Amino acid sequence: ATVALKAGVHMINDISGLRECVASAQSAGRFGAAYVV
């Protein structure tokens, strides 16, 4: 997710629902990207 966000993606589509780790959501927040749980 972080590599993709650095490359310019606008949204992360996360099938896990952030049950185990929120690091990808933290990256999305820093880049102002949308996030699907």
PDB file of all heavy atoms in Angstrom:
ATOM      1  N   ALA A   1       0.826  -1.210   0.000  1.00  0.00           N
ATOM      2  CA  ALA A   1       0.000   0.000   0.000  1.00  0.00           C
ATOM      3  C   ALA A   1       0.857   1.256   0.000  1.00  0.00           C
ATOM      4  O   ALA A   1       0.587   2.205  -0.749  1.00  0.00           O
ATOM      5  CB  ALA A   1      -0.926  -0.016   1.217  1.00  0.00           C
ATOM      6  N   THR A   2       1.906   1.273   0.803  1.00  0.00           N
ATOM      7  CA  THR A   2       2.758   2.456   0.892  1.00  0.00           C
ATOM      8  C   THR A   2       3.493   2.706  -0.416  1.00  0.00           C
ATOM      9  O   THR A   2       3.575   3.849  -0.902  1.00  0.00           O
ATOM     10  CB  THR A   2       3.760   2.303   2.044  1.00  0.00           C
ATOM     11  OG1 THR A   2       3.036   2.151   3.273  1.00  0.00           O
ATOM     12  CG2 THR A   2       4.658   3.523   2.149  1.00  0.00           C
ATOM     13  N   VAL A   3       4.027   1.648  -1.023  1.00  0.00           N
ATOM     14  CA  VAL A   3       4.701   1.789  -2.319  1.00  0.00           C
ATOM     15  C   VAL A   3       3.722   2.304  -3.371  1.00  0.00           C
ATOM     16  O   VAL A   3       4.055   3.192  -4.171  1.00  0.00           O
ATOM     17  CB  VAL A   3       5.322   0.446  -2.751  1.00  0.00           C
ATOM     18  CG1 VAL A   3       5.778   0.497  -4.207  1.00  0.00           C
ATOM     19  CG2 VAL A   3       6.498   0.085  -1.849  1.00  0.00           C
ATOM     20  N   ALA A   4       2.518   1.764  -3.375  1.00  0.00           N
ATOM     21  CA  ALA A   4       1.516   2.197  -4.344  1.00  0.00           C
ATOM     22  C   ALA A   4       1.127   3.654  -4.135  1.00  0.00           C
ATOM     23  O   ALA A   4       0.970   4.419  -5.099  1.00  0.00           O
ATOM     24  CB  ALA A   4       0.280   1.298  -4.238  1.00  0.00           C
ATOM     25  N   LEU A   5       0.981   4.057  -2.884  1.00  0.00           N
ATOM     26  CA  LEU A   5       0.639   5.443  -2.593  1.00  0.00           C
ATOM     27  C   LEU A   5       1.758   6.393  -3.026  1.00  0.00           C
ATOM     28  O   LEU A   5       1.501   7.472  -3.574  1.00  0.00           O
ATOM     29  CB  LEU A   5       0.345   5.608  -1.101  1.00  0.00           C
ATOM     30  CG  LEU A   5      -0.972   4.982  -0.634  1.00  0.00           C
ATOM     31  CD1 LEU A   5      -0.976   4.768   0.875  1.00  0.00           C
ATOM     32  CD2 LEU A   5      -2.158   5.862  -1.044  1.00  0.00           C
ATOM     33  N   LYS A   6       2.990   6.003  -2.828  1.00  0.00           N
ATOM     34  CA  LYS A   6       4.108   6.820  -3.286  1.00  0.00           C
ATOM     35  C   LYS A   6       4.128   6.944  -4.801  1.00  0.00           C
ATOM     36  O   LYS A   6       4.600   7.952  -5.352  1.00  0.00           O
ATOM     37  CB  LYS A   6       5.430   6.222  -2.786  1.00  0.00           C
ATOM     38  CG  LYS A   6       5.658   6.390  -1.290  1.00  0.00           C
ATOM     39  CD  LYS A   6       6.976   5.764  -0.855  1.00  0.00           C
ATOM     40  CE  LYS A   6       7.219   5.970   0.635  1.00  0.00           C
ATOM     41  NZ  LYS A   6       8.484   5.320   1.080  1.00  0.00           N
ATOM     42  N   ALA A   7       3.602   5.924  -5.478  1.00  0.00           N
ATOM     43  CA  ALA A   7       3.536   5.951  -6.943  1.00  0.00           C
ATOM     44  C   ALA A   7       2.327   6.741  -7.445  1.00  0.00           C
ATOM     45  O   ALA A   7       2.191   6.936  -8.658  1.00  0.00           O
ATOM     46  CB  ALA A   7       3.493   4.530  -7.496  1.00  0.00           C
ATOM     47  N   GLY A   8       1.457   7.156  -6.529  1.00  0.00           N
ATOM     48  CA  GLY A   8       0.375   8.050  -6.921  1.00  0.00           C
ATOM     49  C   GLY A   8      -1.025   7.500  -6.880  1.00  0.00           C
ATOM     50  O   GLY A   8      -1.959   8.149  -7.358  1.00  0.00           O
ATOM     51  N   VAL A   9      -1.254   6.299  -6.303  1.00  0.00           N
ATOM     52  CA  VAL A   9      -2.628   5.780  -6.287  1.00  0.00           C
ATOM     53  C   VAL A   9      -3.501   6.635  -5.375  1.00  0.00           C
ATOM     54  O   VAL A   9      -3.016   7.288  -4.449  1.00  0.00           O
ATOM     55  CB  VAL A   9      -2.700   4.290  -5.863  1.00  0.00           C
ATOM     56  CG1 VAL A   9      -1.835   3.432  -6.761  1.00  0.00           C
ATOM     57  CG2 VAL A   9      -2.355   4.120  -4.414  1.00  0.00           C
ATOM     58  N   HIS A  10      -4.790   6.584  -5.639  1.00  0.00           N
ATOM     59  CA  HIS A  10      -5.742   7.461  -4.965  1.00  0.00           C
ATOM     60  C   HIS A  10      -6.571   6.749  -3.913  1.00  0.00           C
ATOM     61  O   HIS A  10      -7.279   7.398  -3.131  1.00  0.00           O
ATOM     62  CB  HIS A  10      -6.692   8.062  -6.005  1.00  0.00           C
ATOM     63  CG  HIS A  10      -5.999   8.722  -7.144  1.00  0.00           C
ATOM     64  ND1 HIS A  10      -5.726   8.069  -8.330  1.00  0.00           N
ATOM     65  CD2 HIS A  10      -5.494   9.969  -7.266  1.00  0.00           C
ATOM     66  CE1 HIS A  10      -5.099   8.904  -9.152  1.00  0.00           C
ATOM     67  NE2 HIS A  10      -4.943  10.049  -8.545  1.00  0.00           N
ATOM     68  N   MET A  11      -6.514   5.424  -3.892  1.00  0.00           N
ATOM     69  CA  MET A  11      -7.395   4.659  -3.006  1.00  0.00           C
ATOM     70  C   MET A  11      -6.733   3.313  -2.707  1.00  0.00           C
ATOM     71  O   MET A  11      -6.099   2.723  -3.582  1.00  0.00           O
ATOM     72  CB  MET A  11      -8.746   4.447  -3.696  1.00  0.00           C
ATOM     73  CG  MET A  11      -9.771   3.662  -2.916  1.00  0.00           C
ATOM     74  SD  MET A  11     -11.320   3.406  -3.873  1.00  0.00           S
ATOM     75  CE  MET A  11     -11.910   5.090  -4.065  1.00  0.00           C
ATOM     76  N   ILE A  12      -6.894   2.855  -1.465  1.00  0.00           N
ATOM     77  CA  ILE A  12      -6.492   1.510  -1.085  1.00  0.00           C
ATOM     78  C   ILE A  12      -7.758   0.711  -0.789  1.00  0.00           C
ATOM     79  O   ILE A  12      -8.616   1.140  -0.017  1.00  0.00           O
ATOM     80  CB  ILE A  12      -5.566   1.511   0.155  1.00  0.00           C
ATOM     81  CG1 ILE A  12      -4.280   2.297  -0.137  1.00  0.00           C
ATOM     82  CG2 ILE A  12      -5.244   0.077   0.577  1.00  0.00           C
ATOM     83  CD1 ILE A  12      -3.415   1.718  -1.249  1.00  0.00           C
ATOM     84  N   ASN A  13      -7.851  -0.459  -1.417  1.00  0.00           N
ATOM     85  CA  ASN A  13      -9.005  -1.343  -1.248  1.00  0.00           C
ATOM     86  C   ASN A  13      -8.544  -2.539  -0.419  1.00  0.00           C
ATOM     87  O   ASN A  13      -7.890  -3.446  -0.913  1.00  0.00           O
ATOM     88  CB  ASN A  13      -9.503  -1.785  -2.629  1.00  0.00           C
ATOM     89  CG  ASN A  13     -10.760  -2.632  -2.552  1.00  0.00           C
ATOM     90  OD1 ASN A  13     -11.365  -2.786  -1.497  1.00  0.00           O
ATOM     91  ND2 ASN A  13     -11.147  -3.204  -3.688  1.00  0.00           N
ATOM     92  N   ASP A  14      -8.900  -2.525   0.859  1.00  0.00           N
ATOM     93  CA  ASP A  14      -8.332  -3.449   1.844  1.00  0.00           C
ATOM     94  C   ASP A  14      -9.350  -4.505   2.254  1.00  0.00           C
ATOM     95  O   ASP A  14     -10.335  -4.207   2.935  1.00  0.00           O
ATOM     96  CB  ASP A  14      -7.869  -2.650   3.066  1.00  0.00           C
ATOM     97  CG  ASP A  14      -7.300  -3.507   4.170  1.00  0.00           C
ATOM     98  OD1 ASP A  14      -7.119  -4.726   3.962  1.00  0.00           O
ATOM     99  OD2 ASP A  14      -7.029  -2.960   5.256  1.00  0.00           O
ATOM    100  N   ILE A  15      -9.121  -5.748   1.830  1.00  0.00           N
ATOM    101  CA  ILE A  15     -10.062  -6.825   2.133  1.00  0.00           C
ATOM    102  C   ILE A  15     -10.001  -7.280   3.589  1.00  0.00           C
ATOM    103  O   ILE A  15     -10.851  -8.059   4.022  1.00  0.00           O
ATOM    104  CB  ILE A  15      -9.846  -8.044   1.219  1.00  0.00           C
ATOM    105  CG1 ILE A  15      -8.483  -8.678   1.470  1.00  0.00           C
ATOM    106  CG2 ILE A  15     -10.016  -7.660  -0.243  1.00  0.00           C
ATOM    107  CD1 ILE A  15      -8.300 -10.020   0.778  1.00  0.00           C
ATOM    108  N   SER A  16      -9.014  -6.807   4.353  1.00  0.00           N
ATOM    109  CA  SER A  16      -8.863  -7.286   5.731  1.00  0.00           C
ATOM    110  C   SER A  16      -9.713  -6.516   6.725  1.00  0.00           C
ATOM    111  O   SER A  16      -9.897  -6.953   7.867  1.00  0.00           O
ATOM    112  CB  SER A  16      -7.395  -7.188   6.165  1.00  0.00           C
ATOM    113  OG  SER A  16      -7.050  -5.860   6.515  1.00  0.00           O
ATOM    114  N   GLY A  17     -10.207  -5.339   6.335  1.00  0.00           N
ATOM    115  CA  GLY A  17     -10.962  -4.532   7.278  1.00  0.00           C
ATOM    116  C   GLY A  17     -10.126  -3.978   8.414  1.00  0.00           C
ATOM    117  O   GLY A  17     -10.654  -3.615   9.462  1.00  0.00           O
ATOM    118  N   LEU A  18      -8.802  -3.921   8.225  1.00  0.00           N
ATOM    119  CA  LEU A  18      -7.884  -3.383   9.239  1.00  0.00           C
ATOM    120  C   LEU A  18      -7.979  -4.143  10.559  1.00  0.00           C
ATOM    121  O   LEU A  18      -7.793  -3.569  11.629  1.00  0.00           O
ATOM    122  CB  LEU A  18      -8.151  -1.887   9.479  1.00  0.00           C
ATOM    123  CG  LEU A  18      -7.875  -0.948   8.303  1.00  0.00           C
ATOM    124  CD1 LEU A  18      -8.323   0.468   8.640  1.00  0.00           C
ATOM    125  CD2 LEU A  18      -6.400  -0.954   7.931  1.00  0.00           C
ATOM    126  N   ARG A  19      -8.247  -5.440  10.493  1.00  0.00           N
ATOM    127  CA  ARG A  19      -8.396  -6.199  11.731  1.00  0.00           C
ATOM    128  C   ARG A  19      -7.066  -6.409  12.447  1.00  0.00           C
ATOM    129  O   ARG A  19      -7.036  -6.540  13.671  1.00  0.00           O
ATOM    130  CB  ARG A  19      -9.027  -7.567  11.428  1.00  0.00           C
ATOM    131  CG  ARG A  19     -10.456  -7.508  10.945  1.00  0.00           C
ATOM    132  CD  ARG A  19     -11.078  -8.891  10.904  1.00  0.00           C
ATOM    133  NE  ARG A  19     -10.244  -9.863  10.218  1.00  0.00           N
ATOM    134  CZ  ARG A  19     -10.237 -10.067   8.906  1.00  0.00           C
ATOM    135  NH1 ARG A  19     -11.015  -9.332   8.133  1.00  0.00           N
ATOM    136  NH2 ARG A  19      -9.472 -10.974   8.351  1.00  0.00           N
ATOM    137  N   GLU A  20      -5.974  -6.476  11.712  1.00  0.00           N
ATOM    138  CA  GLU A  20      -4.700  -6.850  12.320  1.00  0.00           C
ATOM    139  C   GLU A  20      -3.666  -5.733  12.321  1.00  0.00           C
ATOM    140  O   GLU A  20      -2.781  -5.728  13.159  1.00  0.00           O
ATOM    141  CB  GLU A  20      -4.120  -8.072  11.593  1.00  0.00           C
ATOM    142  CG  GLU A  20      -5.029  -9.286  11.664  1.00  0.00           C
ATOM    143  CD  GLU A  20      -4.461 -10.472  10.898  1.00  0.00           C
ATOM    144  OE1 GLU A  20      -3.281 -10.424  10.528  1.00  0.00           O
ATOM    145  OE2 GLU A  20      -5.212 -11.430  10.664  1.00  0.00           O
ATOM    146  N   CYS A  21      -3.748  -4.802  11.371  1.00  0.00           N
ATOM    147  CA  CYS A  21      -2.715  -3.782  11.234  1.00  0.00           C
ATOM    148  C   CYS A  21      -3.324  -2.546  10.606  1.00  0.00           C
ATOM    149  O   CYS A  21      -4.126  -2.652   9.673  1.00  0.00           O
ATOM    150  CB  CYS A  21      -1.572  -4.315  10.372  1.00  0.00           C
ATOM    151  SG  CYS A  21      -0.259  -3.121  10.035  1.00  0.00           S
ATOM    152  N   VAL A  22      -2.952  -1.373  11.117  1.00  0.00           N
ATOM    153  CA  VAL A  22      -3.484  -0.122  10.578  1.00  0.00           C
ATOM    154  C   VAL A  22      -2.422   0.667   9.824  1.00  0.00           C
ATOM    155  O   VAL A  22      -2.668   1.813   9.423  1.00  0.00           O
ATOM    156  CB  VAL A  22      -4.080   0.766  11.691  1.00  0.00           C
ATOM    157  CG1 VAL A  22      -5.252   0.064  12.357  1.00  0.00           C
ATOM    158  CG2 VAL A  22      -3.018   1.163  12.707  1.00  0.00           C
ATOM    159  N   ALA A  23      -1.248   0.073   9.586  1.00  0.00           N
ATOM    160  CA  ALA A  23      -0.155   0.809   8.944  1.00  0.00           C
ATOM    161  C   ALA A  23      -0.536   1.299   7.550  1.00  0.00           C
ATOM    162  O   ALA A  23      -0.170   2.415   7.153  1.00  0.00           O
ATOM    163  CB  ALA A  23       1.100  -0.057   8.873  1.00  0.00           C
ATOM    164  N   SER A  24      -1.266   0.475   6.775  1.00  0.00           N
ATOM    165  CA  SER A  24      -1.642   0.899   5.432  1.00  0.00           C
ATOM    166  C   SER A  24      -2.620   2.073   5.486  1.00  0.00           C
ATOM    167  O   SER A  24      -2.564   2.984   4.654  1.00  0.00           O
ATOM    168  CB  SER A  24      -2.240  -0.266   4.647  1.00  0.00           C
ATOM    169  OG  SER A  24      -3.326  -0.840   5.348  1.00  0.00           O
ATOM    170  N   ALA A  25      -3.516   2.074   6.467  1.00  0.00           N
ATOM    171  CA  ALA A  25      -4.437   3.199   6.627  1.00  0.00           C
ATOM    172  C   ALA A  25      -3.686   4.455   7.052  1.00  0.00           C
ATOM    173  O   ALA A  25      -4.020   5.566   6.622  1.00  0.00           O
ATOM    174  CB  ALA A  25      -5.512   2.855   7.658  1.00  0.00           C
ATOM    175  N   GLN A  26      -2.678   4.309   7.883  1.00  0.00           N
ATOM    176  CA  GLN A  26      -1.863   5.458   8.265  1.00  0.00           C
ATOM    177  C   GLN A  26      -1.174   6.068   7.048  1.00  0.00           C
ATOM    178  O   GLN A  26      -1.112   7.293   6.901  1.00  0.00           O
ATOM    179  CB  GLN A  26      -0.839   5.036   9.311  1.00  0.00           C
ATOM    180  CG  GLN A  26      -1.462   4.695  10.659  1.00  0.00           C
ATOM    181  CD  GLN A  26      -0.483   4.043  11.629  1.00  0.00           C
ATOM    182  OE1 GLN A  26       0.527   3.473  11.209  1.00  0.00           O
ATOM    183  NE2 GLN A  26      -0.785   4.115  12.911  1.00  0.00           N
ATOM    184  N   SER A  27      -0.675   5.213   6.154  1.00  0.00           N
ATOM    185  CA  SER A  27      -0.058   5.713   4.921  1.00  0.00           C
ATOM    186  C   SER A  27      -1.088   6.436   4.063  1.00  0.00           C
ATOM    187  O   SER A  27      -0.823   7.509   3.512  1.00  0.00           O
ATOM    188  CB  SER A  27       0.561   4.560   4.124  1.00  0.00           C
ATOM    189  OG  SER A  27       1.671   4.009   4.807  1.00  0.00           O
ATOM    190  N   ALA A  28      -2.273   5.846   3.933  1.00  0.00           N
ATOM    191  CA  ALA A  28      -3.329   6.483   3.149  1.00  0.00           C
ATOM    192  C   ALA A  28      -3.693   7.847   3.723  1.00  0.00           C
ATOM    193  O   ALA A  28      -3.913   8.815   2.984  1.00  0.00           O
ATOM    194  CB  ALA A  28      -4.556   5.585   3.086  1.00  0.00           C
ATOM    195  N   GLY A  29      -3.757   7.918   5.045  1.00  0.00           N
ATOM    196  CA  GLY A  29      -4.060   9.189   5.691  1.00  0.00           C
ATOM    197  C   GLY A  29      -3.025  10.256   5.392  1.00  0.00           C
ATOM    198  O   GLY A  29      -3.362  11.417   5.144  1.00  0.00           O
ATOM    199  N   ARG A  30      -1.745   9.881   5.387  1.00  0.00           N
ATOM    200  CA  ARG A  30      -0.677  10.850   5.109  1.00  0.00           C
ATOM    201  C   ARG A  30      -0.771  11.383   3.682  1.00  0.00           C
ATOM    202  O   ARG A  30      -0.449  12.546   3.428  1.00  0.00           O
ATOM    203  CB  ARG A  30       0.688  10.207   5.332  1.00  0.00           C
ATOM    204  CG  ARG A  30       1.038   9.967   6.791  1.00  0.00           C
ATOM    205  CD  ARG A  30       2.513   9.676   6.978  1.00  0.00           C
ATOM    206  NE  ARG A  30       2.911   8.447   6.297  1.00  0.00           N
ATOM    207  CZ  ARG A  30       2.885   7.241   6.849  1.00  0.00           C
ATOM    208  NH1 ARG A  30       2.429   7.101   8.103  1.00  0.00           N
ATOM    209  NH2 ARG A  30       3.278   6.175   6.200  1.00  0.00           N
ATOM    210  N   PHE A  31      -1.201  10.538   2.747  1.00  0.00           N
ATOM    211  CA  PHE A  31      -1.271  10.949   1.345  1.00  0.00           C
ATOM    212  C   PHE A  31      -2.635  11.535   0.964  1.00  0.00           C
ATOM    213  O   PHE A  31      -2.814  11.971  -0.173  1.00  0.00           O
ATOM    214  CB  PHE A  31      -0.964   9.758   0.433  1.00  0.00           C
ATOM    215  CG  PHE A  31       0.492   9.417   0.344  1.00  0.00           C
ATOM    216  CD1 PHE A  31       1.047   8.450   1.175  1.00  0.00           C
ATOM    217  CD2 PHE A  31       1.312  10.052  -0.559  1.00  0.00           C
ATOM    218  CE1 PHE A  31       2.395   8.122   1.101  1.00  0.00           C
ATOM    219  CE2 PHE A  31       2.665   9.746  -0.650  1.00  0.00           C
ATOM    220  CZ  PHE A  31       3.211   8.779   0.182  1.00  0.00           C
ATOM    221  N   GLY A  32      -3.581  11.521   1.884  1.00  0.00           N
ATOM    222  CA  GLY A  32      -4.906  12.032   1.575  1.00  0.00           C
ATOM    223  C   GLY A  32      -5.703  11.122   0.664  1.00  0.00           C
ATOM    224  O   GLY A  32      -6.613  11.572  -0.053  1.00  0.00           O
ATOM    225  N   ALA A  33      -5.385   9.830   0.676  1.00  0.00           N
ATOM    226  CA  ALA A  33      -6.068   8.862  -0.180  1.00  0.00           C
ATOM    227  C   ALA A  33      -7.313   8.310   0.497  1.00  0.00           C
ATOM    228  O   ALA A  33      -7.429   8.309   1.722  1.00  0.00           O
ATOM    229  CB  ALA A  33      -5.119   7.717  -0.532  1.00  0.00           C
ATOM    230  N   ALA A  34      -8.230   7.828  -0.320  1.00  0.00           N
ATOM    231  CA  ALA A  34      -9.421   7.157   0.205  1.00  0.00           C
ATOM    232  C   ALA A  34      -9.061   5.727   0.608  1.00  0.00           C
ATOM    233  O   ALA A  34      -8.050   5.175   0.170  1.00  0.00           O
ATOM    234  CB  ALA A  34     -10.526   7.154  -0.839  1.00  0.00           C
ATOM    235  N   TYR A  35      -9.923   5.132   1.435  1.00  0.00           N
ATOM    236  CA  TYR A  35      -9.628   3.798   1.963  1.00  0.00           C
ATOM    237  C   TYR A  35     -10.908   2.982   2.043  1.00  0.00           C
ATOM    238  O   TYR A  35     -11.901   3.423   2.644  1.00  0.00           O
ATOM    239  CB  TYR A  35      -8.999   3.897   3.358  1.00  0.00           C
ATOM    240  CG  TYR A  35      -8.144   2.716   3.729  1.00  0.00           C
ATOM    241  CD1 TYR A  35      -6.779   2.727   3.488  1.00  0.00           C
ATOM    242  CD2 TYR A  35      -8.697   1.583   4.320  1.00  0.00           C
ATOM    243  CE1 TYR A  35      -5.984   1.642   3.822  1.00  0.00           C
ATOM    244  CE2 TYR A  35      -7.916   0.495   4.642  1.00  0.00           C
ATOM    245  CZ  TYR A  35      -6.555   0.535   4.403  1.00  0.00           C
ATOM    246  OH  TYR A  35      -5.764  -0.547   4.725  1.00  0.00           O
ATOM    247  N   VAL A  36     -10.897   1.810   1.435  1.00  0.00           N
ATOM    248  CA  VAL A  36     -12.037   0.888   1.491  1.00  0.00           C
ATOM    249  C   VAL A  36     -11.768  -0.163   2.554  1.00  0.00           C
ATOM    250  O   VAL A  36     -10.739  -0.852   2.503  1.00  0.00           O
ATOM    251  CB  VAL A  36     -12.263   0.192   0.135  1.00  0.00           C
ATOM    252  CG1 VAL A  36     -13.478  -0.741   0.219  1.00  0.00           C
ATOM    253  CG2 VAL A  36     -12.443   1.208  -0.980  1.00  0.00           C
ATOM    254  N   VAL A  37     -12.676  -0.288   3.502  1.00  0.00           N
ATOM    255  CA  VAL A  37     -12.593  -1.368   4.486  1.00  0.00           C
ATOM    256  C   VAL A  37     -13.663  -2.397   4.151  1.00  0.00           C
ATOM    257  O   VAL A  37     -14.837  -2.070   3.989  1.00  0.00           O
ATOM    258  CB  VAL A  37     -12.751  -0.856   5.931  1.00  0.00           C
ATOM    259  CG1 VAL A  37     -11.541  -0.046   6.352  1.00  0.00           C
ATOM    260  CG2 VAL A  37     -14.008  -0.026   6.110  1.00  0.00           C
TER     261      VAL A  37
END
